[in-house]
Amino acid sequence: MSQETIEVNAIGDACPIPVVKTMKAVAAAAECATVVTSVDNPTAVKNLQKFAGEKGLASSVEDKGDGSWQVSIQVGAGAAEAAKEADPADYACCAPGNGVVVAITADHMGEGSDELGRTLMKGFIYALTQQEVLPKCVLFYNGGVKLTTEGSDSIEDIKALVDAGVEVLSCGTCLNFYGIAEKLQVGDVTNMYVIAQRQMEASHVVRP
């Protein structure tokens, strides 16, 4: 019986996204399959090897010589269940980043032109997904909640943060004020107590 090969493209992805993608592939794979993940940074290689080792899965690494690597993981009996139980937070790049909270208070960035500001904010959120160290939490309140609701150009990027283990919270009072509570597309609804708590507990608060 031929062995299935599942290819995962994680080139350009910040950790722990390569591990998250690989976990999903392993969880969905049949036994006796090989999951091959392409990455372009050594930290992702180490995290993939760590994931495989902790789950008792054989792995190997091939240096492609162009700044990228392919990590092959052999899927055996029980691998799918083990992958489903894994926590992406265990493969965050660097612990200090876990204390950073990003507070987004508008659907645009900076003052002057709101049109330019919306373009800048979209770029900022995408740039967050590409950081070597991801924030622990992203808070959306006041006009910022428009970015987590239907019609936002940033939904997919925010979903990528959630998939990577970042907590995403939108202010419920703000959603109700703008009449868009039922249009929430990503993250969870929260209240001002939690918003204040997250910022007070943060090592740093970043406000774009």
N, C-alpha and C. Protein backbone atom coordinates (compact mmCIF):
# COMPACT_ATOMS: atom_id res chain seq x y z
N MET A 1 0.85 -1.20 0.00
CA MET A 1 0.00 0.00 0.00
C MET A 1 0.88 1.24 0.00
N SER A 2 0.65 2.16 -0.96
CA SER A 2 1.47 3.36 -1.04
C SER A 2 1.15 4.30 0.11
N GLN A 3 2.17 5.02 0.52
CA GLN A 3 2.00 5.94 1.64
C GLN A 3 1.62 7.31 1.13
N GLU A 4 0.57 7.88 1.70
CA GLU A 4 0.09 9.20 1.29
C GLU A 4 1.05 10.28 1.79
N THR A 5 1.30 11.28 0.95
CA THR A 5 2.11 12.43 1.34
C THR A 5 1.23 13.68 1.32
N ILE A 6 1.19 14.37 2.45
CA ILE A 6 0.40 15.59 2.57
C ILE A 6 1.36 16.77 2.69
N GLU A 7 1.28 17.70 1.77
CA GLU A 7 2.18 18.86 1.76
C GLU A 7 1.52 20.06 2.42
N VAL A 8 2.26 20.71 3.31
CA VAL A 8 1.78 21.90 4.01
C VAL A 8 2.72 23.06 3.68
N ASN A 9 2.18 24.12 3.14
CA ASN A 9 2.99 25.30 2.80
C ASN A 9 2.90 26.32 3.92
N ALA A 10 3.98 26.47 4.67
CA ALA A 10 4.02 27.46 5.76
C ALA A 10 5.13 28.48 5.51
N ILE A 11 5.51 28.65 4.25
CA ILE A 11 6.51 29.65 3.90
C ILE A 11 5.96 31.04 4.20
N GLY A 12 6.73 31.82 4.92
CA GLY A 12 6.30 33.18 5.26
C GLY A 12 5.44 33.28 6.49
N ASP A 13 5.10 32.14 7.09
CA ASP A 13 4.23 32.16 8.28
C ASP A 13 5.06 32.31 9.56
N ALA A 14 4.58 33.18 10.45
CA ALA A 14 5.23 33.34 11.75
C ALA A 14 4.79 32.21 12.67
N CYS A 15 5.68 31.82 13.59
CA CYS A 15 5.31 30.77 14.54
C CYS A 15 4.26 31.32 15.51
N PRO A 16 3.36 30.50 16.00
CA PRO A 16 3.32 29.05 15.80
C PRO A 16 2.45 28.59 14.64
N ILE A 17 2.20 29.45 13.64
CA ILE A 17 1.31 29.08 12.54
C ILE A 17 1.77 27.83 11.79
N PRO A 18 3.10 27.66 11.51
CA PRO A 18 3.51 26.41 10.85
C PRO A 18 3.12 25.16 11.64
N VAL A 19 3.25 25.24 12.97
CA VAL A 19 2.86 24.10 13.81
C VAL A 19 1.35 23.90 13.78
N VAL A 20 0.60 25.01 13.81
CA VAL A 20 -0.86 24.91 13.78
C VAL A 20 -1.31 24.24 12.49
N LYS A 21 -0.76 24.67 11.36
CA LYS A 21 -1.12 24.07 10.07
C LYS A 21 -0.76 22.58 10.05
N THR A 22 0.41 22.27 10.61
CA THR A 22 0.87 20.87 10.62
C THR A 22 -0.01 20.02 11.52
N MET A 23 -0.40 20.56 12.68
CA MET A 23 -1.30 19.84 13.59
C MET A 23 -2.59 19.47 12.86
N LYS A 24 -3.15 20.44 12.12
CA LYS A 24 -4.41 20.19 11.41
C LYS A 24 -4.23 19.11 10.35
N ALA A 25 -3.08 19.15 9.66
CA ALA A 25 -2.82 18.15 8.63
C ALA A 25 -2.67 16.76 9.24
N VAL A 26 -1.94 16.68 10.36
CA VAL A 26 -1.76 15.40 11.04
C VAL A 26 -3.09 14.88 11.56
N ALA A 27 -3.90 15.77 12.12
CA ALA A 27 -5.19 15.37 12.67
C ALA A 27 -6.12 14.82 11.60
N ALA A 28 -5.98 15.33 10.37
CA ALA A 28 -6.86 14.91 9.28
C ALA A 28 -6.29 13.75 8.48
N ALA A 29 -5.02 13.40 8.70
CA ALA A 29 -4.35 12.39 7.89
C ALA A 29 -4.75 10.97 8.30
N ALA A 30 -4.65 10.09 7.32
CA ALA A 30 -4.85 8.67 7.60
C ALA A 30 -3.56 8.12 8.20
N GLU A 31 -3.66 6.99 8.89
CA GLU A 31 -2.44 6.36 9.40
C GLU A 31 -1.54 5.96 8.23
N CYS A 32 -0.24 5.92 8.51
CA CYS A 32 0.75 5.58 7.48
C CYS A 32 0.86 6.67 6.42
N ALA A 33 0.68 7.92 6.82
CA ALA A 33 0.87 9.05 5.91
C ALA A 33 2.09 9.84 6.36
N THR A 34 2.59 10.68 5.48
CA THR A 34 3.68 11.58 5.81
C THR A 34 3.24 13.01 5.57
N VAL A 35 3.38 13.84 6.58
CA VAL A 35 3.06 15.27 6.45
C VAL A 35 4.38 16.01 6.25
N VAL A 36 4.49 16.72 5.14
CA VAL A 36 5.71 17.44 4.80
C VAL A 36 5.41 18.94 4.83
N THR A 37 6.02 19.65 5.78
CA THR A 37 5.77 21.08 5.96
C THR A 37 6.97 21.89 5.49
N SER A 38 6.72 22.85 4.60
CA SER A 38 7.77 23.74 4.11
C SER A 38 7.76 25.02 4.92
N VAL A 39 8.93 25.39 5.45
CA VAL A 39 9.07 26.60 6.28
C VAL A 39 10.31 27.36 5.84
N ASP A 40 10.38 28.62 6.28
CA ASP A 40 11.54 29.43 5.89
C ASP A 40 12.23 30.09 7.07
N ASN A 41 12.08 29.50 8.26
CA ASN A 41 12.84 30.02 9.39
C ASN A 41 13.17 28.86 10.35
N PRO A 42 14.36 28.90 10.94
CA PRO A 42 14.81 27.80 11.79
C PRO A 42 13.98 27.60 13.04
N THR A 43 13.35 28.67 13.53
CA THR A 43 12.50 28.52 14.72
C THR A 43 11.33 27.60 14.43
N ALA A 44 10.74 27.74 13.24
CA ALA A 44 9.63 26.87 12.86
C ALA A 44 10.09 25.42 12.77
N VAL A 45 11.31 25.21 12.27
CA VAL A 45 11.86 23.86 12.19
C VAL A 45 11.94 23.24 13.58
N LYS A 46 12.49 24.00 14.52
CA LYS A 46 12.63 23.51 15.89
C LYS A 46 11.27 23.20 16.52
N ASN A 47 10.30 24.09 16.28
CA ASN A 47 8.98 23.87 16.87
C ASN A 47 8.29 22.65 16.28
N LEU A 48 8.48 22.42 14.98
CA LEU A 48 7.88 21.24 14.35
C LEU A 48 8.53 19.97 14.88
N GLN A 49 9.85 20.01 15.08
CA GLN A 49 10.53 18.85 15.65
C GLN A 49 10.08 18.62 17.10
N LYS A 50 9.88 19.71 17.83
CA LYS A 50 9.40 19.61 19.21
C LYS A 50 8.02 18.98 19.24
N PHE A 51 7.13 19.43 18.36
CA PHE A 51 5.78 18.87 18.28
C PHE A 51 5.83 17.37 17.99
N ALA A 52 6.62 17.01 16.99
CA ALA A 52 6.71 15.59 16.61
C ALA A 52 7.27 14.75 17.76
N GLY A 53 8.34 15.26 18.40
CA GLY A 53 8.96 14.51 19.49
C GLY A 53 8.03 14.31 20.66
N GLU A 54 7.27 15.37 21.02
CA GLU A 54 6.37 15.27 22.16
C GLU A 54 5.20 14.31 21.89
N LYS A 55 4.86 14.16 20.62
CA LYS A 55 3.75 13.27 20.27
C LYS A 55 4.22 11.89 19.84
N GLY A 56 5.53 11.65 19.97
CA GLY A 56 6.07 10.33 19.65
C GLY A 56 6.07 10.01 18.17
N LEU A 57 6.19 11.04 17.33
CA LEU A 57 6.16 10.85 15.87
C LEU A 57 7.57 11.04 15.30
N ALA A 58 7.96 10.16 14.41
CA ALA A 58 9.26 10.27 13.77
C ALA A 58 9.27 11.46 12.81
N SER A 59 10.39 12.19 12.79
CA SER A 59 10.48 13.34 11.90
C SER A 59 11.88 13.44 11.31
N SER A 60 11.98 14.14 10.20
CA SER A 60 13.27 14.40 9.56
C SER A 60 13.22 15.77 8.93
N VAL A 61 14.40 16.36 8.72
CA VAL A 61 14.49 17.71 8.17
C VAL A 61 15.39 17.71 6.95
N GLU A 62 14.93 18.39 5.90
CA GLU A 62 15.75 18.56 4.71
C GLU A 62 15.99 20.04 4.47
N ASP A 63 17.25 20.45 4.44
CA ASP A 63 17.62 21.83 4.14
C ASP A 63 17.63 21.99 2.63
N LYS A 64 16.76 22.84 2.10
CA LYS A 64 16.64 23.00 0.66
C LYS A 64 17.74 23.89 0.07
N GLY A 65 18.51 24.56 0.96
CA GLY A 65 19.63 25.36 0.49
C GLY A 65 19.27 26.73 -0.04
N ASP A 66 18.01 27.10 0.03
CA ASP A 66 17.58 28.41 -0.46
C ASP A 66 16.92 29.23 0.65
N GLY A 67 17.27 28.88 1.90
CA GLY A 67 16.66 29.56 3.04
C GLY A 67 15.35 28.93 3.48
N SER A 68 15.08 27.74 2.97
CA SER A 68 13.86 27.04 3.38
C SER A 68 14.19 25.61 3.77
N TRP A 69 13.28 25.01 4.52
CA TRP A 69 13.45 23.63 4.98
C TRP A 69 12.14 22.88 4.78
N GLN A 70 12.24 21.58 4.68
CA GLN A 70 11.07 20.71 4.67
C GLN A 70 11.16 19.75 5.85
N VAL A 71 10.15 19.79 6.70
CA VAL A 71 10.09 18.92 7.87
C VAL A 71 9.06 17.83 7.59
N SER A 72 9.50 16.59 7.59
CA SER A 72 8.61 15.45 7.33
C SER A 72 8.27 14.76 8.64
N ILE A 73 6.98 14.53 8.85
CA ILE A 73 6.50 13.87 10.07
C ILE A 73 5.70 12.63 9.66
N GLN A 74 6.08 11.50 10.24
CA GLN A 74 5.40 10.24 9.95
C GLN A 74 4.17 10.09 10.86
N VAL A 75 3.04 9.89 10.23
CA VAL A 75 1.79 9.76 10.98
C VAL A 75 1.51 8.28 11.23
N GLY A 76 1.43 7.92 12.50
CA GLY A 76 1.16 6.53 12.88
C GLY A 76 -0.10 6.42 13.69
N ALA A 77 -0.29 5.27 14.29
CA ALA A 77 -1.48 5.02 15.10
C ALA A 77 -1.57 6.01 16.26
N GLY A 78 -2.72 6.62 16.43
CA GLY A 78 -2.94 7.56 17.53
C GLY A 78 -2.45 8.96 17.27
N ALA A 79 -1.81 9.18 16.12
CA ALA A 79 -1.23 10.50 15.84
C ALA A 79 -2.30 11.58 15.69
N ALA A 80 -3.40 11.22 15.02
CA ALA A 80 -4.46 12.20 14.79
C ALA A 80 -5.03 12.71 16.10
N GLU A 81 -5.29 11.80 17.03
CA GLU A 81 -5.86 12.20 18.32
C GLU A 81 -4.85 13.03 19.11
N ALA A 82 -3.58 12.67 19.03
CA ALA A 82 -2.54 13.41 19.74
C ALA A 82 -2.43 14.83 19.20
N ALA A 83 -2.57 14.98 17.89
CA ALA A 83 -2.48 16.31 17.28
C ALA A 83 -3.66 17.18 17.69
N LYS A 84 -4.84 16.58 17.80
CA LYS A 84 -6.03 17.34 18.20
C LYS A 84 -5.91 17.86 19.63
N GLU A 85 -5.18 17.13 20.46
CA GLU A 85 -5.05 17.52 21.86
C GLU A 85 -3.92 18.50 22.11
N ALA A 86 -3.07 18.73 21.09
CA ALA A 86 -1.92 19.62 21.26
C ALA A 86 -2.38 21.07 21.39
N ASP A 87 -1.63 21.84 22.14
CA ASP A 87 -1.94 23.25 22.38
C ASP A 87 -0.95 24.12 21.61
N PRO A 88 -1.40 24.93 20.63
CA PRO A 88 -0.50 25.78 19.86
C PRO A 88 0.33 26.73 20.72
N ALA A 89 -0.21 27.11 21.88
CA ALA A 89 0.51 28.04 22.75
C ALA A 89 1.83 27.46 23.25
N ASP A 90 1.93 26.12 23.23
CA ASP A 90 3.17 25.48 23.66
C ASP A 90 4.31 25.69 22.68
N TYR A 91 3.97 26.20 21.51
CA TYR A 91 4.99 26.37 20.47
C TYR A 91 5.15 27.82 20.07
N ALA A 92 4.79 28.74 20.99
CA ALA A 92 5.03 30.16 20.76
C ALA A 92 6.53 30.40 20.72
N CYS A 93 6.94 31.40 19.94
CA CYS A 93 8.38 31.60 19.71
C CYS A 93 9.13 32.05 20.94
N CYS A 94 8.52 32.90 21.71
CA CYS A 94 9.27 33.53 22.79
C CYS A 94 8.30 33.96 23.88
N ALA A 95 8.54 33.53 25.10
CA ALA A 95 7.61 33.79 26.19
C ALA A 95 7.31 35.26 26.44
N PRO A 96 8.31 36.21 26.35
CA PRO A 96 7.99 37.61 26.63
C PRO A 96 6.87 38.16 25.76
N GLY A 97 6.77 37.67 24.51
CA GLY A 97 5.73 38.17 23.62
C GLY A 97 4.34 37.83 24.10
N ASN A 98 4.24 36.80 24.93
CA ASN A 98 2.93 36.39 25.40
C ASN A 98 2.31 37.41 26.34
N GLY A 99 3.07 38.39 26.80
CA GLY A 99 2.52 39.39 27.68
C GLY A 99 2.09 40.65 26.97
N VAL A 100 2.22 40.70 25.65
CA VAL A 100 1.88 41.89 24.89
C VAL A 100 0.40 41.88 24.50
N VAL A 101 -0.27 43.01 24.74
CA VAL A 101 -1.66 43.19 24.34
C VAL A 101 -1.72 44.32 23.33
N VAL A 102 -2.41 44.09 22.23
CA VAL A 102 -2.63 45.13 21.22
C VAL A 102 -4.06 45.64 21.37
N ALA A 103 -4.21 46.96 21.53
CA ALA A 103 -5.53 47.58 21.69
C ALA A 103 -5.85 48.39 20.44
N ILE A 104 -6.88 47.96 19.71
CA ILE A 104 -7.26 48.64 18.47
C ILE A 104 -8.59 49.34 18.70
N THR A 105 -8.58 50.67 18.61
CA THR A 105 -9.73 51.48 19.02
C THR A 105 -10.46 52.13 17.86
N ALA A 106 -10.01 51.89 16.64
CA ALA A 106 -10.65 52.49 15.46
C ALA A 106 -10.42 51.58 14.27
N ASP A 107 -11.19 51.81 13.22
CA ASP A 107 -10.99 51.00 12.01
C ASP A 107 -9.95 51.61 11.09
N HIS A 108 -9.29 52.68 11.57
CA HIS A 108 -8.22 53.31 10.80
C HIS A 108 -7.04 53.60 11.72
N MET A 109 -5.91 53.88 11.11
CA MET A 109 -4.67 54.08 11.88
C MET A 109 -4.14 55.49 11.63
N GLY A 110 -3.93 56.24 12.71
CA GLY A 110 -3.41 57.59 12.58
C GLY A 110 -4.49 58.60 12.25
N GLU A 111 -4.08 59.85 12.16
CA GLU A 111 -5.01 60.94 11.89
C GLU A 111 -4.63 61.65 10.59
N GLY A 112 -5.63 62.29 9.97
CA GLY A 112 -5.40 62.99 8.72
C GLY A 112 -6.42 62.52 7.69
N SER A 113 -6.12 61.41 7.03
CA SER A 113 -7.03 60.83 6.06
C SER A 113 -7.54 59.49 6.58
N ASP A 114 -8.86 59.39 6.77
CA ASP A 114 -9.42 58.11 7.23
C ASP A 114 -9.25 57.03 6.17
N GLU A 115 -9.32 57.41 4.90
CA GLU A 115 -9.14 56.44 3.82
C GLU A 115 -7.74 55.85 3.88
N LEU A 116 -6.74 56.70 4.01
CA LEU A 116 -5.37 56.23 4.16
C LEU A 116 -5.24 55.42 5.45
N GLY A 117 -5.88 55.91 6.52
CA GLY A 117 -5.80 55.24 7.81
C GLY A 117 -6.34 53.82 7.77
N ARG A 118 -7.41 53.59 6.99
CA ARG A 118 -7.96 52.24 6.87
C ARG A 118 -6.98 51.31 6.14
N THR A 119 -6.31 51.86 5.14
CA THR A 119 -5.29 51.07 4.44
C THR A 119 -4.13 50.73 5.36
N LEU A 120 -3.74 51.71 6.18
CA LEU A 120 -2.64 51.48 7.13
C LEU A 120 -3.03 50.44 8.18
N MET A 121 -4.27 50.49 8.66
CA MET A 121 -4.70 49.53 9.68
C MET A 121 -4.74 48.12 9.12
N LYS A 122 -5.22 47.98 7.89
CA LYS A 122 -5.23 46.66 7.26
C LYS A 122 -3.80 46.12 7.17
N GLY A 123 -2.86 46.99 6.78
CA GLY A 123 -1.47 46.58 6.72
C GLY A 123 -0.89 46.24 8.07
N PHE A 124 -1.29 46.98 9.10
CA PHE A 124 -0.80 46.72 10.46
C PHE A 124 -1.25 45.35 10.95
N ILE A 125 -2.53 45.03 10.74
CA ILE A 125 -3.04 43.75 11.22
C ILE A 125 -2.37 42.60 10.48
N TYR A 126 -2.17 42.76 9.17
CA TYR A 126 -1.44 41.72 8.43
C TYR A 126 -0.02 41.58 8.97
N ALA A 127 0.63 42.73 9.23
CA ALA A 127 2.00 42.70 9.75
C ALA A 127 2.07 41.99 11.10
N LEU A 128 1.02 42.11 11.91
CA LEU A 128 0.98 41.40 13.19
C LEU A 128 1.12 39.89 12.97
N THR A 129 0.45 39.37 11.94
CA THR A 129 0.48 37.93 11.70
C THR A 129 1.86 37.44 11.29
N GLN A 130 2.71 38.37 10.85
CA GLN A 130 4.03 37.99 10.34
C GLN A 130 5.15 38.16 11.38
N GLN A 131 4.80 38.61 12.58
CA GLN A 131 5.82 38.84 13.60
C GLN A 131 6.38 37.53 14.14
N GLU A 132 7.66 37.55 14.48
CA GLU A 132 8.29 36.38 15.08
C GLU A 132 7.66 36.05 16.43
N VAL A 133 7.26 37.09 17.16
CA VAL A 133 6.59 36.91 18.45
C VAL A 133 5.20 37.53 18.36
N LEU A 134 4.19 36.72 18.53
CA LEU A 134 2.82 37.20 18.42
C LEU A 134 2.32 37.74 19.76
N PRO A 135 1.37 38.67 19.74
CA PRO A 135 0.82 39.17 21.00
C PRO A 135 -0.02 38.11 21.70
N LYS A 136 -0.21 38.31 22.99
CA LYS A 136 -1.07 37.39 23.74
C LYS A 136 -2.53 37.64 23.41
N CYS A 137 -2.88 38.90 23.23
CA CYS A 137 -4.28 39.27 23.07
C CYS A 137 -4.39 40.51 22.17
N VAL A 138 -5.45 40.56 21.36
CA VAL A 138 -5.77 41.77 20.60
C VAL A 138 -7.18 42.19 21.00
N LEU A 139 -7.30 43.41 21.50
CA LEU A 139 -8.58 43.96 21.94
C LEU A 139 -9.12 44.92 20.89
N PHE A 140 -10.40 44.80 20.58
CA PHE A 140 -11.06 45.72 19.65
C PHE A 140 -12.19 46.42 20.40
N TYR A 141 -12.12 47.75 20.44
CA TYR A 141 -13.22 48.48 21.07
C TYR A 141 -13.45 49.80 20.37
N ASN A 142 -14.57 50.47 20.71
CA ASN A 142 -15.07 51.62 19.97
C ASN A 142 -15.11 51.26 18.47
N GLY A 143 -14.62 52.12 17.59
CA GLY A 143 -14.70 51.84 16.16
C GLY A 143 -13.88 50.65 15.72
N GLY A 144 -12.99 50.18 16.58
CA GLY A 144 -12.17 49.04 16.24
C GLY A 144 -12.97 47.77 16.01
N VAL A 145 -14.17 47.67 16.62
CA VAL A 145 -14.96 46.45 16.47
C VAL A 145 -15.44 46.25 15.03
N LYS A 146 -15.40 47.30 14.24
CA LYS A 146 -15.81 47.16 12.84
C LYS A 146 -14.86 46.22 12.08
N LEU A 147 -13.66 46.05 12.61
CA LEU A 147 -12.66 45.21 11.94
C LEU A 147 -12.90 43.72 12.15
N THR A 148 -13.69 43.37 13.16
CA THR A 148 -13.96 41.95 13.44
C THR A 148 -15.34 41.52 12.95
N THR A 149 -16.01 42.41 12.23
CA THR A 149 -17.37 42.12 11.80
C THR A 149 -17.48 42.04 10.28
N GLU A 150 -18.63 41.59 9.83
CA GLU A 150 -18.89 41.39 8.41
C GLU A 150 -18.54 42.64 7.59
N GLY A 151 -17.85 42.43 6.49
CA GLY A 151 -17.46 43.55 5.63
C GLY A 151 -16.03 44.02 5.84
N SER A 152 -15.40 43.57 6.90
CA SER A 152 -14.01 43.97 7.18
C SER A 152 -13.05 43.26 6.23
N ASP A 153 -12.06 44.00 5.75
CA ASP A 153 -11.03 43.43 4.89
C ASP A 153 -9.97 42.66 5.68
N SER A 154 -10.05 42.70 7.00
CA SER A 154 -9.02 42.09 7.84
C SER A 154 -9.46 40.78 8.49
N ILE A 155 -10.63 40.29 8.14
CA ILE A 155 -11.16 39.09 8.80
C ILE A 155 -10.19 37.91 8.70
N GLU A 156 -9.68 37.63 7.52
CA GLU A 156 -8.81 36.46 7.35
C GLU A 156 -7.52 36.60 8.15
N ASP A 157 -6.97 37.82 8.20
CA ASP A 157 -5.74 38.02 8.98
C ASP A 157 -6.02 37.86 10.47
N ILE A 158 -7.16 38.34 10.93
CA ILE A 158 -7.51 38.19 12.34
C ILE A 158 -7.76 36.72 12.66
N LYS A 159 -8.38 35.99 11.73
CA LYS A 159 -8.58 34.56 11.93
C LYS A 159 -7.24 33.83 12.03
N ALA A 160 -6.26 34.30 11.26
CA ALA A 160 -4.93 33.69 11.32
C ALA A 160 -4.32 33.87 12.71
N LEU A 161 -4.57 35.03 13.33
CA LEU A 161 -4.08 35.26 14.70
C LEU A 161 -4.77 34.31 15.67
N VAL A 162 -6.09 34.15 15.52
CA VAL A 162 -6.83 33.23 16.40
C VAL A 162 -6.31 31.82 16.24
N ASP A 163 -6.08 31.41 14.98
CA ASP A 163 -5.58 30.06 14.72
C ASP A 163 -4.20 29.84 15.33
N ALA A 164 -3.46 30.93 15.48
CA ALA A 164 -2.12 30.84 16.06
C ALA A 164 -2.12 30.90 17.58
N GLY A 165 -3.32 31.00 18.18
CA GLY A 165 -3.42 30.99 19.62
C GLY A 165 -3.56 32.35 20.27
N VAL A 166 -3.72 33.41 19.46
CA VAL A 166 -3.89 34.76 20.00
C VAL A 166 -5.35 34.95 20.42
N GLU A 167 -5.55 35.50 21.60
CA GLU A 167 -6.90 35.80 22.07
C GLU A 167 -7.39 37.07 21.39
N VAL A 168 -8.56 37.01 20.76
CA VAL A 168 -9.14 38.17 20.08
C VAL A 168 -10.49 38.48 20.72
N LEU A 169 -10.63 39.70 21.25
CA LEU A 169 -11.83 40.09 21.99
C LEU A 169 -12.39 41.40 21.45
N SER A 170 -13.70 41.43 21.25
CA SER A 170 -14.38 42.65 20.81
C SER A 170 -15.36 43.11 21.89
N CYS A 171 -15.40 44.40 22.11
CA CYS A 171 -16.26 45.00 23.14
C CYS A 171 -17.74 44.83 22.77
N GLY A 172 -18.51 44.17 23.65
CA GLY A 172 -19.92 43.94 23.40
C GLY A 172 -20.73 45.23 23.37
N THR A 173 -20.43 46.15 24.27
CA THR A 173 -21.14 47.44 24.30
C THR A 173 -20.93 48.19 22.99
N CYS A 174 -19.72 48.11 22.47
CA CYS A 174 -19.38 48.81 21.22
C CYS A 174 -20.10 48.18 20.03
N LEU A 175 -20.13 46.85 20.00
CA LEU A 175 -20.84 46.15 18.93
C LEU A 175 -22.32 46.54 18.93
N ASN A 176 -22.90 46.61 20.11
CA ASN A 176 -24.31 46.99 20.23
C ASN A 176 -24.53 48.44 19.82
N PHE A 177 -23.62 49.32 20.20
CA PHE A 177 -23.74 50.75 19.88
C PHE A 177 -23.79 50.96 18.37
N TYR A 178 -22.93 50.23 17.64
CA TYR A 178 -22.87 50.38 16.18
C TYR A 178 -23.90 49.49 15.47
N GLY A 179 -24.66 48.69 16.24
CA GLY A 179 -25.68 47.84 15.65
C GLY A 179 -25.14 46.70 14.81
N ILE A 180 -23.97 46.18 15.20
CA ILE A 180 -23.32 45.14 14.39
C ILE A 180 -23.00 43.88 15.21
N ALA A 181 -23.65 43.73 16.36
CA ALA A 181 -23.37 42.59 17.24
C ALA A 181 -23.58 41.25 16.52
N GLU A 182 -24.60 41.18 15.67
CA GLU A 182 -24.89 39.92 14.98
C GLU A 182 -23.98 39.69 13.77
N LYS A 183 -23.13 40.65 13.47
CA LYS A 183 -22.25 40.53 12.31
C LYS A 183 -20.81 40.16 12.69
N LEU A 184 -20.59 39.84 13.97
CA LEU A 184 -19.25 39.44 14.40
C LEU A 184 -18.81 38.20 13.63
N GLN A 185 -17.60 38.24 13.09
CA GLN A 185 -17.08 37.15 12.26
C GLN A 185 -15.92 36.39 12.90
N VAL A 186 -15.24 37.01 13.85
CA VAL A 186 -14.05 36.37 14.40
C VAL A 186 -13.82 36.83 15.83
N GLY A 187 -13.33 35.92 16.67
CA GLY A 187 -13.06 36.25 18.07
C GLY A 187 -14.29 36.16 18.94
N ASP A 188 -14.13 36.61 20.18
CA ASP A 188 -15.21 36.53 21.17
C ASP A 188 -15.64 37.93 21.62
N VAL A 189 -16.83 37.98 22.17
CA VAL A 189 -17.36 39.23 22.73
C VAL A 189 -16.92 39.35 24.18
N THR A 190 -16.58 40.57 24.60
CA THR A 190 -16.13 40.76 25.99
C THR A 190 -16.74 42.03 26.56
N ASN A 191 -16.35 42.35 27.80
CA ASN A 191 -16.87 43.53 28.48
C ASN A 191 -15.70 44.41 28.95
N MET A 192 -16.03 45.56 29.51
CA MET A 192 -14.99 46.51 29.90
C MET A 192 -14.14 46.00 31.06
N TYR A 193 -14.71 45.19 31.92
CA TYR A 193 -13.91 44.62 33.01
C TYR A 193 -12.75 43.80 32.44
N VAL A 194 -13.06 42.94 31.47
CA VAL A 194 -12.02 42.09 30.88
C VAL A 194 -11.03 42.93 30.08
N ILE A 195 -11.52 43.95 29.37
CA ILE A 195 -10.62 44.82 28.60
C ILE A 195 -9.63 45.50 29.53
N ALA A 196 -10.14 46.01 30.67
CA ALA A 196 -9.25 46.64 31.65
C ALA A 196 -8.29 45.61 32.25
N GLN A 197 -8.78 44.44 32.55
CA GLN A 197 -7.96 43.38 33.15
C GLN A 197 -6.82 42.97 32.22
N ARG A 198 -7.13 42.75 30.94
CA ARG A 198 -6.10 42.34 29.99
C ARG A 198 -4.99 43.39 29.89
N GLN A 199 -5.37 44.66 29.90
CA GLN A 199 -4.37 45.71 29.77
C GLN A 199 -3.56 45.87 31.06
N MET A 200 -4.19 45.72 32.20
CA MET A 200 -3.47 45.84 33.47
C MET A 200 -2.48 44.69 33.67
N GLU A 201 -2.81 43.52 33.14
CA GLU A 201 -1.94 42.35 33.30
C GLU A 201 -0.85 42.27 32.23
N ALA A 202 -0.94 43.11 31.22
CA ALA A 202 -0.01 43.02 30.09
C ALA A 202 1.37 43.53 30.46
N SER A 203 2.38 42.94 29.83
CA SER A 203 3.74 43.46 29.98
C SER A 203 3.88 44.75 29.19
N HIS A 204 3.21 44.83 28.05
CA HIS A 204 3.18 46.02 27.22
C HIS A 204 1.83 46.11 26.54
N VAL A 205 1.33 47.33 26.34
CA VAL A 205 0.12 47.53 25.56
C VAL A 205 0.50 48.34 24.32
N VAL A 206 0.19 47.82 23.16
CA VAL A 206 0.50 48.48 21.89
C VAL A 206 -0.80 49.02 21.32
N ARG A 207 -0.80 50.31 21.01
CA ARG A 207 -2.00 50.92 20.42
C ARG A 207 -1.62 51.58 19.10
N PRO A 208 -2.01 50.97 17.96
CA PRO A 208 -1.62 51.52 16.66
C PRO A 208 -2.35 52.82 16.34
